[in-house]
């Protein structure tokens, strides 16, 4: 996390893209990385860190498995 004079900068754990926010409340409760579309959530406030949203990760895995099966 980097505290700029006007912005809060955190990094996406998936693609390491810088994400800029004006306030910490913009980070709550969930964030989507505009670069890789990872579903993220705040995992730590001190230091401020983002991690993967476990609920969305599990749903994404189920959908991927469903669509990769030979269902046709």
N, C-alpha and C. Protein backbone atom coordinates (compact mmCIF):
# COMPACT_ATOMS: atom_id res chain seq x y z
N UNK A 1 0.84 -1.18 0.00
CA UNK A 1 0.00 0.00 0.00
C UNK A 1 0.89 1.23 0.00
N UNK A 2 0.47 2.21 -0.75
CA UNK A 2 1.16 3.49 -0.80
C UNK A 2 0.14 4.58 -0.49
N UNK A 3 0.45 5.43 0.46
CA UNK A 3 -0.44 6.54 0.77
C UNK A 3 0.09 7.78 0.07
N UNK A 4 -0.61 8.18 -0.96
CA UNK A 4 -0.30 9.40 -1.68
C UNK A 4 -1.00 10.53 -0.92
N UNK A 5 -0.74 11.78 -1.26
CA UNK A 5 -1.41 12.87 -0.56
C UNK A 5 -2.90 12.87 -0.82
N UNK A 6 -3.33 12.41 -1.98
CA UNK A 6 -4.75 12.40 -2.28
C UNK A 6 -5.31 11.01 -2.55
N UNK A 7 -4.48 10.03 -2.75
CA UNK A 7 -4.99 8.72 -3.14
C UNK A 7 -4.38 7.61 -2.31
N UNK A 8 -5.11 6.51 -2.25
CA UNK A 8 -4.62 5.27 -1.65
C UNK A 8 -4.32 4.34 -2.82
N UNK A 9 -3.14 3.78 -2.84
CA UNK A 9 -2.75 2.88 -3.93
C UNK A 9 -2.48 1.50 -3.34
N UNK A 10 -3.18 0.51 -3.85
CA UNK A 10 -2.94 -0.89 -3.48
C UNK A 10 -2.69 -1.67 -4.77
N UNK A 11 -2.16 -2.86 -4.62
CA UNK A 11 -1.82 -3.67 -5.79
C UNK A 11 -2.68 -4.91 -5.86
N UNK A 12 -3.10 -5.26 -7.06
CA UNK A 12 -3.86 -6.48 -7.29
C UNK A 12 -2.93 -7.67 -7.06
N UNK A 13 -3.33 -8.66 -6.25
CA UNK A 13 -2.46 -9.81 -6.01
C UNK A 13 -2.35 -10.73 -7.23
N UNK A 14 -3.24 -10.58 -8.18
CA UNK A 14 -3.24 -11.45 -9.35
C UNK A 14 -2.34 -10.91 -10.46
N UNK A 15 -2.52 -9.65 -10.84
CA UNK A 15 -1.76 -9.09 -11.97
C UNK A 15 -0.80 -7.97 -11.55
N UNK A 16 -0.82 -7.61 -10.25
CA UNK A 16 0.05 -6.57 -9.69
C UNK A 16 -0.22 -5.17 -10.25
N UNK A 17 -1.41 -4.97 -10.79
CA UNK A 17 -1.83 -3.65 -11.28
C UNK A 17 -2.03 -2.72 -10.09
N UNK A 18 -1.65 -1.45 -10.23
CA UNK A 18 -1.91 -0.46 -9.19
C UNK A 18 -3.38 -0.07 -9.24
N UNK A 19 -4.04 -0.11 -8.09
CA UNK A 19 -5.43 0.31 -7.99
C UNK A 19 -5.46 1.57 -7.13
N UNK A 20 -6.10 2.62 -7.62
CA UNK A 20 -6.12 3.91 -6.94
C UNK A 20 -7.51 4.18 -6.37
N UNK A 21 -7.54 4.62 -5.11
CA UNK A 21 -8.79 4.94 -4.44
C UNK A 21 -8.63 6.25 -3.68
N UNK A 22 -9.73 7.00 -3.58
CA UNK A 22 -9.69 8.26 -2.85
C UNK A 22 -9.82 8.05 -1.35
N UNK A 23 -10.62 7.06 -0.96
CA UNK A 23 -10.82 6.77 0.46
C UNK A 23 -10.82 5.27 0.69
N UNK A 24 -10.57 4.88 1.92
CA UNK A 24 -10.60 3.45 2.25
C UNK A 24 -12.00 2.90 2.08
N UNK A 25 -13.03 3.72 2.29
CA UNK A 25 -14.41 3.23 2.16
C UNK A 25 -14.71 2.77 0.73
N UNK A 26 -13.99 3.29 -0.27
CA UNK A 26 -14.17 2.83 -1.64
C UNK A 26 -13.68 1.39 -1.81
N UNK A 27 -12.81 0.94 -0.93
CA UNK A 27 -12.28 -0.42 -1.00
C UNK A 27 -13.23 -1.44 -0.39
N UNK A 28 -14.18 -0.98 0.40
CA UNK A 28 -15.05 -1.90 1.12
C UNK A 28 -16.30 -2.18 0.34
N UNK A 29 -16.91 -3.31 0.39
CA UNK A 29 -16.31 -4.54 0.90
C UNK A 29 -15.56 -5.30 -0.18
N UNK A 30 -15.90 -5.04 -1.46
CA UNK A 30 -15.27 -5.81 -2.53
C UNK A 30 -14.84 -4.90 -3.67
N UNK A 31 -13.82 -5.35 -4.39
CA UNK A 31 -13.26 -4.59 -5.50
C UNK A 31 -13.04 -5.55 -6.67
N UNK A 32 -13.24 -5.06 -7.88
CA UNK A 32 -12.90 -5.83 -9.07
C UNK A 32 -11.74 -5.12 -9.76
N UNK A 33 -10.68 -5.85 -10.02
CA UNK A 33 -9.52 -5.27 -10.70
C UNK A 33 -9.91 -4.95 -12.14
N UNK A 34 -9.73 -3.70 -12.57
CA UNK A 34 -10.10 -3.34 -13.94
C UNK A 34 -9.17 -3.94 -15.00
N UNK A 35 -8.01 -4.42 -14.59
CA UNK A 35 -7.06 -4.98 -15.55
C UNK A 35 -7.31 -6.47 -15.81
N UNK A 36 -7.44 -7.28 -14.74
CA UNK A 36 -7.58 -8.73 -14.91
C UNK A 36 -8.95 -9.25 -14.48
N UNK A 37 -9.81 -8.38 -13.99
CA UNK A 37 -11.17 -8.71 -13.55
C UNK A 37 -11.20 -9.67 -12.36
N UNK A 38 -10.15 -9.70 -11.57
CA UNK A 38 -10.14 -10.53 -10.37
C UNK A 38 -11.09 -9.94 -9.33
N UNK A 39 -11.84 -10.80 -8.66
CA UNK A 39 -12.72 -10.38 -7.58
C UNK A 39 -11.89 -10.34 -6.30
N UNK A 40 -11.78 -9.15 -5.72
CA UNK A 40 -10.89 -8.94 -4.58
C UNK A 40 -11.66 -8.42 -3.38
N UNK A 41 -11.05 -8.61 -2.22
CA UNK A 41 -11.59 -8.08 -0.99
C UNK A 41 -10.42 -7.63 -0.10
N UNK A 42 -10.69 -6.77 0.84
CA UNK A 42 -9.65 -6.30 1.75
C UNK A 42 -9.32 -7.44 2.72
N UNK A 43 -8.05 -7.84 2.78
CA UNK A 43 -7.64 -8.90 3.69
C UNK A 43 -6.92 -8.37 4.91
N UNK A 44 -6.41 -7.15 4.82
CA UNK A 44 -5.69 -6.55 5.94
C UNK A 44 -5.82 -5.03 5.86
N UNK A 45 -6.02 -4.41 7.01
CA UNK A 45 -6.10 -2.95 7.05
C UNK A 45 -4.77 -2.31 7.44
N UNK A 46 -3.95 -3.03 8.18
CA UNK A 46 -2.66 -2.48 8.58
C UNK A 46 -1.59 -3.55 8.45
N UNK A 47 -0.85 -3.60 7.39
CA UNK A 47 -0.90 -2.75 6.20
C UNK A 47 -2.09 -3.13 5.32
N UNK A 48 -2.56 -2.19 4.55
CA UNK A 48 -3.70 -2.40 3.68
C UNK A 48 -3.31 -3.34 2.55
N UNK A 49 -4.04 -4.47 2.44
CA UNK A 49 -3.76 -5.46 1.39
C UNK A 49 -5.06 -5.98 0.82
N UNK A 50 -5.00 -6.34 -0.45
CA UNK A 50 -6.12 -6.99 -1.11
C UNK A 50 -5.81 -8.46 -1.32
N UNK A 51 -6.86 -9.27 -1.28
CA UNK A 51 -6.73 -10.70 -1.57
C UNK A 51 -7.92 -11.13 -2.40
N UNK A 52 -7.90 -12.37 -2.82
CA UNK A 52 -8.99 -12.88 -3.65
C UNK A 52 -10.25 -13.06 -2.82
N UNK A 53 -11.39 -12.74 -3.41
CA UNK A 53 -12.68 -12.96 -2.78
C UNK A 53 -12.98 -14.45 -2.89
N UNK A 54 -12.87 -15.18 -1.80
CA UNK A 54 -12.97 -16.64 -1.81
C UNK A 54 -14.32 -17.11 -2.32
N UNK A 55 -15.39 -16.45 -1.93
CA UNK A 55 -16.72 -16.86 -2.38
C UNK A 55 -16.83 -16.78 -3.90
N UNK A 56 -16.37 -15.69 -4.48
CA UNK A 56 -16.44 -15.54 -5.93
C UNK A 56 -15.47 -16.49 -6.63
N UNK A 57 -14.33 -16.76 -6.00
CA UNK A 57 -13.36 -17.69 -6.59
C UNK A 57 -13.97 -19.08 -6.72
N UNK A 58 -14.66 -19.53 -5.66
CA UNK A 58 -15.29 -20.85 -5.70
C UNK A 58 -16.39 -20.89 -6.76
N UNK A 59 -17.17 -19.84 -6.88
CA UNK A 59 -18.22 -19.80 -7.89
C UNK A 59 -17.62 -19.82 -9.29
N UNK A 60 -16.54 -19.08 -9.49
CA UNK A 60 -15.87 -19.08 -10.79
C UNK A 60 -15.34 -20.46 -11.14
N UNK A 61 -14.79 -21.17 -10.16
CA UNK A 61 -14.27 -22.52 -10.41
C UNK A 61 -15.39 -23.46 -10.83
N UNK A 62 -16.52 -23.39 -10.16
CA UNK A 62 -17.66 -24.25 -10.50
C UNK A 62 -18.13 -23.96 -11.92
N UNK A 63 -18.23 -22.69 -12.28
CA UNK A 63 -18.66 -22.34 -13.63
C UNK A 63 -17.65 -22.79 -14.68
N UNK A 64 -16.37 -22.65 -14.38
CA UNK A 64 -15.35 -23.10 -15.34
C UNK A 64 -15.44 -24.61 -15.56
N UNK A 65 -15.62 -25.37 -14.46
CA UNK A 65 -15.74 -26.82 -14.58
C UNK A 65 -16.97 -27.20 -15.39
N UNK A 66 -18.07 -26.50 -15.16
CA UNK A 66 -19.30 -26.80 -15.88
C UNK A 66 -19.12 -26.56 -17.38
N UNK A 67 -18.52 -25.43 -17.74
CA UNK A 67 -18.39 -25.09 -19.16
C UNK A 67 -17.30 -25.87 -19.86
N UNK A 68 -16.35 -26.47 -19.13
CA UNK A 68 -15.32 -27.26 -19.79
C UNK A 68 -15.72 -28.71 -19.96
N UNK A 69 -16.76 -29.14 -19.25
CA UNK A 69 -17.26 -30.50 -19.44
C UNK A 69 -17.90 -30.61 -20.82
N UNK A 70 -17.91 -31.81 -21.33
CA UNK A 70 -18.53 -32.05 -22.64
C UNK A 70 -20.04 -32.19 -22.43
N UNK A 71 -20.72 -31.06 -22.39
CA UNK A 71 -22.17 -31.07 -22.11
C UNK A 71 -22.99 -31.03 -23.37
N UNK A 72 -22.37 -31.00 -24.53
CA UNK A 72 -23.12 -30.90 -25.78
C UNK A 72 -23.51 -32.26 -26.20
